[in-house]
Amino acid sequence: MVKIFVVVFVVVLSLAVTVSAQSKRANYGPVVRAYLTGLDEELTELEFQFSHREISRAVYDRTKRRLAVLRSYVERVAAKNHEDRVPELQALADDELSILGAGELLNPNELKPDDEIGGRWLIVSIERQRERFFVLEKMLPTEISRVVPERKLGPEIDILDVIETLVIREETSEPPVAPEPVVAPRVEPAPATPAPTPNPEPPKLQTQNPRLLHIYLPEYTTRAREKKLEGEIIVRALLQRDGKIKKIKIEKGLGEGLDDRAIEAVKRLGFLPAELNGEAVDAQTQIVFTFKLEKVSMYVGATELITGGKL
């Protein structure tokens, strides 16, 4: 009888907490509610991956803390400001700050709220979930121009991604030929034709390829390992500017179940979207997995930025 009472009490308490959370969320606007729902979906997916041993305990723990930090910050700001707005946010641990491409070594112990990183991100909060997380907000274009009026190409930008065209027309006019002497009349040399001015240099495009926040390496299938299958799998995917991954397809496969493992790994990538002149854009990206019996590795291959159009 006591056991039944305890179970009923726990169920009732759990339902009460759920109803309370839903009631609290109902007070937020549609934008904030949608963001919090997205965090719930990410947490559900994370639990699924961990329960199926697709990710390690370390990745699971850190990602779960990251989601908790974002939730706590968004709920706190929404309750304080009464605004139905969620800017582009990132929660990064000390050892992850380098992915922002600041172009300089950062000492996390010297950073504080309102510090700007890389001319594009602003530290809005420093939270702790067993470890320190920096909550960063993507700066608006007007804020970027105010802080960094002229941003030079940094080491994080691949020079191959910068398109620069300079057109200079060759000067073909020859110096005037002196006339032969005559008695009369005297002929003056014609004035030299001014050389055409070269076309102005077009503005440089500042580009940034997608930057990975976290990855999931696929594991060997039993039959692939039994056959000692090794090689590369090339996956092409659309990494959208809204952080979603679409249009995943195999360009080069190995079979024996490894192609499916590679696709599932791509679906679970976390990334910062590609940028063109400070604006997030879609990018068609090749992701290459190298399967060796002793280890599996990956790298980002050819990337094509896509401008214009809507998602």
Protein backbone atom coordinates (compact mmCIF):
# COMPACT_ATOMS: atom_id res chain seq x y z
CA MET A 1 0.00 0.00 0.00
CA VAL A 2 2.86 2.34 0.83
CA LYS A 3 4.61 1.61 -2.48
CA ILE A 4 1.43 2.40 -4.43
CA PHE A 5 1.03 5.67 -2.56
CA VAL A 6 4.63 6.68 -3.26
CA VAL A 7 4.30 5.95 -6.99
CA VAL A 8 1.05 7.93 -7.24
CA PHE A 9 2.61 10.82 -5.35
CA VAL A 10 5.64 10.92 -7.70
CA VAL A 11 3.42 10.85 -10.80
CA VAL A 12 1.21 13.66 -9.46
CA LEU A 13 4.28 15.74 -8.56
CA SER A 14 5.77 15.21 -12.04
CA LEU A 15 2.52 16.28 -13.70
CA ALA A 16 2.36 19.36 -11.49
CA VAL A 17 5.89 20.39 -12.49
CA THR A 18 5.07 19.86 -16.19
CA VAL A 19 1.86 21.89 -15.98
CA SER A 20 3.70 24.65 -14.11
CA ALA A 21 6.42 24.79 -16.81
CA GLN A 22 3.82 24.89 -19.60
CA SER A 23 1.90 27.65 -17.81
CA LYS A 24 5.07 29.67 -17.39
CA ARG A 25 5.97 29.25 -21.05
CA ALA A 26 2.47 30.35 -22.08
CA ASN A 27 3.31 33.81 -20.71
CA TYR A 28 6.02 34.23 -23.36
CA GLY A 29 5.44 35.47 -26.88
CA PRO A 30 5.46 33.14 -29.91
CA VAL A 31 9.13 33.81 -30.75
CA VAL A 32 10.39 32.94 -27.28
CA ARG A 33 8.08 29.93 -27.06
CA ALA A 34 9.31 28.64 -30.43
CA TYR A 35 12.93 29.01 -29.31
CA LEU A 36 12.31 27.13 -26.05
CA THR A 37 10.46 24.41 -27.95
CA GLY A 38 13.47 24.08 -30.23
CA LEU A 39 15.69 23.58 -27.18
CA ASP A 40 13.31 20.86 -25.97
CA GLU A 41 13.59 19.09 -29.32
CA GLU A 42 17.39 19.30 -29.24
CA LEU A 43 17.40 17.82 -25.73
CA THR A 44 15.13 14.96 -26.84
CA GLU A 45 17.42 14.23 -29.79
CA LEU A 46 20.44 14.38 -27.48
CA GLU A 47 18.90 11.84 -25.10
CA PHE A 48 18.12 9.57 -28.06
CA GLN A 49 21.69 9.75 -29.35
CA PHE A 50 23.15 8.99 -25.94
CA SER A 51 20.76 6.11 -25.22
CA HIS A 52 21.74 4.53 -28.55
CA ARG A 53 25.45 5.07 -27.82
CA GLU A 54 25.89 7.40 -30.79
CA ILE A 55 27.70 10.01 -28.70
CA SER A 56 30.09 9.83 -25.78
CA ARG A 57 29.27 10.72 -22.20
CA ALA A 58 31.51 13.80 -22.43
CA VAL A 59 29.69 15.16 -25.51
CA TYR A 60 26.33 14.38 -23.93
CA ASP A 61 27.14 16.13 -20.64
CA ARG A 62 28.56 19.29 -22.23
CA THR A 63 25.76 19.64 -24.80
CA LYS A 64 23.13 19.17 -22.12
CA ARG A 65 24.73 21.87 -19.99
CA ARG A 66 24.94 24.15 -23.03
CA LEU A 67 21.20 23.78 -23.66
CA ALA A 68 20.46 24.47 -19.99
CA VAL A 69 22.55 27.66 -20.13
CA LEU A 70 20.71 28.94 -23.21
CA ARG A 71 17.32 28.14 -21.70
CA SER A 72 18.14 29.87 -18.42
CA TYR A 73 19.44 32.99 -20.18
CA VAL A 74 16.52 33.33 -22.63
CA GLU A 75 13.89 32.81 -19.92
CA ARG A 76 15.59 35.31 -17.63
CA VAL A 77 15.91 38.02 -20.29
CA ALA A 78 12.35 37.47 -21.58
CA ALA A 79 10.93 37.79 -18.06
CA LYS A 80 12.96 40.93 -17.37
CA ASN A 81 12.48 42.84 -20.64
CA HIS A 82 9.01 41.56 -21.59
CA GLU A 83 10.14 41.37 -25.23
CA ASP A 84 9.17 38.63 -27.66
CA ARG A 85 12.63 38.50 -29.22
CA VAL A 86 15.49 36.01 -29.27
CA PRO A 87 18.69 37.12 -31.02
CA GLU A 88 21.19 34.71 -32.51
CA LEU A 89 22.90 33.17 -29.49
CA GLN A 90 25.78 30.82 -28.78
CA ALA A 91 26.89 29.31 -25.48
CA LEU A 92 30.56 28.35 -25.65
CA ALA A 93 32.91 26.89 -23.07
CA ASP A 94 36.42 28.25 -22.51
CA ASP A 95 38.07 25.91 -25.01
CA GLU A 96 35.48 26.62 -27.73
CA LEU A 97 35.95 30.39 -28.07
CA SER A 98 38.54 29.99 -30.81
CA ILE A 99 35.86 28.88 -33.31
CA LEU A 100 34.58 32.46 -33.46
CA GLY A 101 37.63 33.39 -35.52
CA ALA A 102 38.69 36.32 -33.40
CA GLY A 103 42.14 36.26 -34.99
CA GLU A 104 43.82 36.53 -31.60
CA LEU A 105 44.49 34.43 -28.56
CA LEU A 106 41.76 34.94 -25.98
CA ASN A 107 42.24 34.56 -22.25
CA PRO A 108 38.83 33.46 -20.91
CA ASN A 109 39.75 34.68 -17.43
CA GLU A 110 40.07 38.25 -18.73
CA LEU A 111 36.75 38.31 -20.58
CA LYS A 112 33.66 39.94 -19.11
CA PRO A 113 30.12 40.87 -20.18
CA ASP A 114 29.91 43.54 -22.91
CA ASP A 115 33.27 42.50 -24.34
CA GLU A 116 33.24 42.14 -28.13
CA ILE A 117 34.90 39.15 -29.82
CA GLY A 118 35.98 39.09 -33.43
CA GLY A 119 34.00 42.19 -34.34
CA ARG A 120 30.79 40.13 -34.55
CA TRP A 121 29.91 38.66 -31.18
CA LEU A 122 29.11 40.34 -27.87
CA ILE A 123 29.39 38.61 -24.49
CA VAL A 124 26.01 39.13 -22.82
CA SER A 125 26.41 36.76 -19.88
CA ILE A 126 28.82 34.36 -18.21
CA GLU A 127 27.07 31.31 -16.76
CA ARG A 128 28.17 28.23 -14.89
CA GLN A 129 26.85 24.71 -15.35
CA ARG A 130 29.68 22.79 -13.66
CA GLU A 131 31.92 24.60 -16.14
CA ARG A 132 31.98 28.16 -17.42
CA PHE A 133 29.96 29.09 -20.48
CA PHE A 134 30.06 32.41 -22.31
CA VAL A 135 26.68 33.41 -23.75
CA LEU A 136 27.31 35.42 -26.92
CA GLU A 137 24.89 37.44 -29.01
CA LYS A 138 25.42 38.05 -32.72
CA MET A 139 25.88 41.77 -33.25
CA LEU A 140 23.64 43.63 -35.67
CA PRO A 141 25.24 45.02 -38.86
CA THR A 142 24.93 48.58 -37.50
CA GLU A 143 26.72 47.56 -34.32
CA ILE A 144 29.44 45.81 -36.29
CA SER A 145 30.09 48.90 -38.41
CA ARG A 146 30.24 51.01 -35.25
CA VAL A 147 32.73 48.77 -33.48
CA VAL A 148 34.79 47.74 -36.50
CA PRO A 149 34.30 50.35 -39.26
CA GLU A 150 36.79 48.63 -41.55
CA ARG A 151 37.37 44.94 -40.88
CA LYS A 152 40.46 43.54 -42.53
CA LEU A 153 40.79 39.97 -43.66
CA GLY A 154 41.80 37.86 -40.71
CA PRO A 155 43.55 34.49 -40.63
CA GLU A 156 40.18 32.76 -40.24
CA ILE A 157 39.20 33.69 -43.82
CA ASP A 158 40.45 31.42 -46.55
CA ILE A 159 42.08 33.58 -49.21
CA LEU A 160 40.68 31.21 -51.86
CA ASP A 161 37.19 32.31 -50.84
CA VAL A 162 37.92 35.97 -51.60
CA ILE A 163 37.04 37.00 -55.13
CA GLU A 164 39.03 39.97 -56.34
CA THR A 165 38.89 41.22 -59.92
CA LEU A 166 41.08 44.04 -61.13
CA VAL A 167 40.82 45.22 -64.71
CA ILE A 168 43.62 47.46 -66.07
CA ARG A 169 43.55 48.50 -69.67
CA GLU A 170 46.90 48.59 -71.46
CA GLU A 171 48.02 52.00 -72.62
CA THR A 172 48.47 51.81 -76.40
CA SER A 173 49.07 55.44 -77.34
CA GLU A 174 52.58 56.10 -78.71
CA PRO A 175 54.58 59.28 -78.11
CA PRO A 176 54.08 61.90 -80.83
CA VAL A 177 56.50 61.83 -83.76
CA ALA A 178 58.37 65.06 -84.33
CA PRO A 179 57.57 66.53 -87.74
CA GLU A 180 60.26 66.86 -90.38
CA PRO A 181 61.60 70.39 -90.67
CA VAL A 182 60.00 72.52 -93.37
CA VAL A 183 60.46 76.09 -94.39
CA ALA A 184 56.92 77.20 -93.81
CA PRO A 185 54.51 76.86 -92.23
CA ARG A 186 55.73 75.43 -88.93
CA VAL A 187 53.62 72.45 -87.83
CA GLU A 188 53.25 71.99 -84.08
CA PRO A 189 52.98 68.41 -82.71
CA ALA A 190 49.47 67.34 -81.83
CA PRO A 191 48.69 67.09 -78.11
CA ALA A 192 49.02 63.62 -76.65
CA THR A 193 45.79 61.72 -76.11
CA PRO A 194 45.25 61.13 -72.38
CA ALA A 195 45.61 57.50 -71.38
CA PRO A 196 42.40 55.76 -70.30
CA THR A 197 42.05 55.39 -66.56
CA PRO A 198 41.81 51.84 -65.21
CA ASN A 199 38.48 50.61 -63.93
CA PRO A 200 38.10 51.01 -60.18
CA GLU A 201 38.82 47.93 -58.12
CA PRO A 202 35.57 46.22 -57.07
CA PRO A 203 35.00 45.86 -53.33
CA LYS A 204 36.43 42.79 -51.69
CA LEU A 205 34.01 40.14 -50.52
CA GLN A 206 34.50 39.06 -46.93
CA THR A 207 33.49 35.42 -46.67
CA GLN A 208 33.46 32.85 -43.93
CA ASN A 209 32.83 29.15 -44.45
CA PRO A 210 30.61 27.26 -41.99
CA ARG A 211 32.38 26.56 -38.68
CA LEU A 212 31.66 23.33 -36.84
CA LEU A 213 30.69 23.52 -33.17
CA HIS A 214 30.48 19.80 -32.52
CA ILE A 215 30.69 16.66 -34.63
CA TYR A 216 29.66 13.03 -34.39
CA LEU A 217 31.96 10.45 -35.91
CA PRO A 218 30.16 7.40 -37.33
CA GLU A 219 31.16 3.95 -36.13
CA TYR A 220 31.93 0.91 -38.24
CA THR A 221 29.14 -1.52 -38.95
CA THR A 222 29.83 -5.15 -38.06
CA ARG A 223 29.84 -6.36 -41.66
CA ALA A 224 32.09 -3.51 -42.84
CA ARG A 225 34.63 -4.29 -40.13
CA GLU A 226 34.47 -8.03 -40.90
CA LYS A 227 35.27 -7.22 -44.55
CA LYS A 228 38.03 -4.80 -43.43
CA LEU A 229 36.47 -2.12 -45.60
CA GLU A 230 38.35 1.18 -45.72
CA GLY A 231 38.04 4.37 -47.76
CA GLU A 232 36.29 7.73 -48.03
CA ILE A 233 32.64 8.67 -47.99
CA ILE A 234 31.75 12.10 -49.40
CA VAL A 235 28.48 13.60 -48.27
CA ARG A 236 27.04 16.82 -49.71
CA ALA A 237 24.66 18.81 -47.53
CA LEU A 238 23.03 22.23 -47.44
CA LEU A 239 24.06 24.02 -44.24
CA GLN A 240 21.38 26.69 -44.00
CA ARG A 241 21.76 30.12 -42.48
CA ASP A 242 19.09 29.28 -39.90
CA GLY A 243 21.27 26.49 -38.48
CA LYS A 244 19.38 23.61 -40.11
CA ILE A 245 20.85 20.90 -42.32
CA LYS A 246 18.95 19.90 -45.48
CA LYS A 247 19.41 18.06 -48.78
CA ILE A 248 21.87 15.44 -47.53
CA LYS A 249 23.08 13.03 -50.19
CA ILE A 250 25.96 10.65 -50.77
CA GLU A 251 28.34 11.66 -53.56
CA LYS A 252 30.78 8.83 -52.95
CA GLY A 253 29.92 5.83 -50.80
CA LEU A 254 31.40 2.63 -49.45
CA GLY A 255 28.28 0.58 -48.77
CA GLU A 256 27.95 -2.09 -46.08
CA GLY A 257 25.88 0.29 -43.95
CA LEU A 258 28.62 2.93 -43.65
CA ASP A 259 26.80 5.39 -45.96
CA ASP A 260 23.80 5.47 -43.63
CA ARG A 261 26.09 5.98 -40.65
CA ALA A 262 27.72 8.95 -42.38
CA ILE A 263 24.34 10.54 -43.19
CA GLU A 264 23.23 10.21 -39.57
CA ALA A 265 26.47 11.84 -38.43
CA VAL A 266 25.93 14.80 -40.74
CA LYS A 267 22.38 15.29 -39.44
CA ARG A 268 23.76 15.78 -35.95
CA LEU A 269 26.45 18.35 -36.77
CA GLY A 270 26.35 21.63 -34.89
CA PHE A 271 27.67 24.62 -36.81
CA LEU A 272 27.83 28.37 -37.23
CA PRO A 273 26.46 29.29 -40.67
CA ALA A 274 28.57 30.63 -43.51
CA GLU A 275 28.81 34.40 -43.86
CA LEU A 276 29.15 36.86 -46.71
CA ASN A 277 30.03 40.42 -45.74
CA GLY A 278 28.84 39.77 -42.19
CA GLU A 279 25.48 38.27 -43.18
CA ALA A 280 24.60 34.61 -42.65
CA VAL A 281 24.04 32.70 -45.91
CA ASP A 282 23.35 29.11 -47.00
CA ALA A 283 26.25 26.93 -48.07
CA GLN A 284 26.54 23.73 -50.09
CA THR A 285 29.27 21.81 -48.30
CA GLN A 286 31.13 18.55 -48.82
CA ILE A 287 31.80 16.58 -45.65
CA VAL A 288 34.36 13.83 -46.06
CA PHE A 289 34.56 10.84 -43.72
CA THR A 290 37.69 8.69 -43.82
CA PHE A 291 37.11 5.16 -42.57
CA LYS A 292 40.20 3.34 -41.30
CA LEU A 293 39.98 0.20 -39.22
CA GLU A 294 41.98 1.87 -36.45
CA LYS A 295 39.98 5.13 -36.50
CA VAL A 296 37.35 7.23 -38.30
CA SER A 297 38.00 10.91 -39.08
CA MET A 298 36.30 13.69 -40.99
CA TYR A 299 36.95 17.08 -42.55
CA VAL A 300 35.00 19.76 -44.42
CA GLY A 301 35.70 19.77 -48.14
CA ALA A 302 34.62 22.10 -50.94
CA THR A 303 32.08 24.72 -49.93
CA GLU A 304 29.91 26.95 -52.15
CA LEU A 305 28.15 29.95 -50.63
CA ILE A 306 24.61 30.55 -51.84
CA THR A 307 23.32 34.12 -51.91
CA GLY A 308 19.83 35.42 -52.60
CA GLY A 309 16.57 33.56 -52.33
CA LYS A 310 14.70 32.44 -49.26
CA LEU A 311 14.81 29.26 -47.23
